[in-house]
Amino acid sequence: MSGGSSGGEGALVACKATAFGIGSDSGGSARMPAAFCGIYGYKPTGSKRLSLKGRLSPNGMESLKFGDLDPSMGFLTRSIEDLVWLCSKTLGKTI
């Protein structure tokens, strides 16, 4: 069971079908699949820290806003070392 709106991404990372995953997270949607699949998930603190540009919601709109919640893009990796490396390359610093 992968769970969350980024569950497919979490399952792909867990079964080594991809090196890492990027998922949306407003209420745990990237972190929950990580917990269910035995991988690592990270939600940056600011909703605009990673760009949402070009990301489409399930209804085909570019906005991923859910009511008053602003989603963040988060990472899914198989190891903490991969997570630190990915953050250093995309955010310019380690977590």
Protein backbone atom coordinates (compact mmCIF):
# COMPACT_ATOMS: atom_id res chain seq x y z
CA MET A 1 0.00 0.00 0.00
CA SER A 2 1.47 3.33 -0.99
CA GLY A 3 -1.22 5.87 0.11
CA GLY A 4 -1.32 9.65 -0.38
CA SER A 5 -1.65 11.64 -3.57
CA SER A 6 2.01 10.89 -4.37
CA GLY A 7 1.58 7.19 -3.61
CA GLY A 8 2.51 6.03 -7.09
CA GLU A 9 5.71 8.03 -6.91
CA GLY A 10 6.52 6.49 -3.53
CA ALA A 11 5.92 2.99 -4.85
CA LEU A 12 8.18 3.63 -7.86
CA VAL A 13 11.01 4.83 -5.62
CA ALA A 14 10.56 1.91 -3.21
CA CYS A 15 10.72 -0.72 -5.97
CA LYS A 16 13.76 1.00 -7.53
CA ALA A 17 11.95 1.94 -10.75
CA THR A 18 13.30 5.49 -10.40
CA ALA A 19 16.25 7.07 -8.60
CA PHE A 20 14.11 9.57 -6.67
CA GLY A 21 10.63 11.03 -6.70
CA ILE A 22 9.06 14.46 -6.49
CA GLY A 23 5.55 14.72 -5.13
CA SER A 24 3.13 17.32 -3.90
CA ASP A 25 2.56 17.63 -0.18
CA SER A 26 0.07 19.78 1.67
CA GLY A 27 -1.09 17.45 4.41
CA GLY A 28 1.39 14.58 4.21
CA SER A 29 0.85 13.45 0.62
CA ALA A 30 4.57 12.90 -0.02
CA ARG A 31 5.54 11.91 3.52
CA MET A 32 2.79 9.29 3.97
CA PRO A 33 3.84 7.17 0.97
CA ALA A 34 7.41 7.35 2.25
CA ALA A 35 6.30 5.96 5.60
CA PHE A 36 4.16 3.24 4.00
CA CYS A 37 6.89 2.18 1.54
CA GLY A 38 9.90 2.28 3.87
CA ILE A 39 11.61 5.17 2.06
CA TYR A 40 12.41 8.77 2.99
CA GLY A 41 10.21 11.78 2.35
CA TYR A 42 10.94 15.48 2.80
CA LYS A 43 8.63 18.48 2.66
CA PRO A 44 10.45 21.81 2.38
CA THR A 45 9.11 24.36 4.84
CA GLY A 46 7.93 27.02 2.41
CA SER A 47 5.23 26.28 -0.14
CA LYS A 48 7.19 28.21 -2.77
CA ARG A 49 10.64 26.79 -1.99
CA LEU A 50 10.39 24.40 -4.94
CA SER A 51 8.54 25.71 -7.98
CA LEU A 52 5.08 24.39 -8.82
CA LYS A 53 5.36 25.80 -12.37
CA GLY A 54 4.19 23.32 -14.96
CA ARG A 55 2.76 20.92 -12.39
CA LEU A 56 -0.85 20.00 -13.13
CA SER A 57 -3.48 19.04 -10.60
CA PRO A 58 -5.81 16.07 -11.16
CA ASN A 59 -8.40 18.41 -12.75
CA GLY A 60 -5.85 19.63 -15.32
CA MET A 61 -5.41 23.06 -13.77
CA GLU A 62 -1.91 24.33 -13.00
CA SER A 63 -2.91 25.32 -9.46
CA LEU A 64 -2.59 22.61 -6.83
CA LYS A 65 -4.15 24.66 -4.04
CA PHE A 66 -6.55 22.70 -1.82
CA GLY A 67 -8.84 25.18 -0.08
CA ASP A 68 -6.63 27.27 2.18
CA LEU A 69 -3.69 24.85 1.99
CA ASP A 70 -0.77 25.71 -0.25
CA PRO A 71 1.02 22.54 -1.33
CA SER A 72 4.77 22.11 -1.34
CA MET A 73 6.78 19.93 -3.63
CA GLY A 74 8.67 17.29 -1.70
CA PHE A 75 11.27 14.62 -2.38
CA LEU A 76 11.08 10.84 -2.00
CA THR A 77 14.32 8.83 -1.85
CA ARG A 78 15.55 5.41 -0.74
CA SER A 79 18.23 6.73 1.63
CA ILE A 80 18.89 9.76 3.76
CA GLU A 81 22.16 10.29 1.86
CA ASP A 82 20.20 10.50 -1.42
CA LEU A 83 17.82 12.98 0.19
CA VAL A 84 20.66 15.21 1.41
CA TRP A 85 22.35 15.05 -2.01
CA LEU A 86 19.12 15.91 -3.85
CA CYS A 87 18.40 18.85 -1.53
CA SER A 88 21.94 20.18 -1.97
CA LYS A 89 21.59 20.06 -5.77
CA THR A 90 18.10 21.55 -6.01
CA LEU A 91 17.91 23.89 -3.02
CA GLY A 92 21.58 24.84 -2.91
CA LYS A 93 22.04 23.61 0.66
CA THR A 94 21.67 20.52 2.78
CA ILE A 95 18.78 19.85 5.13
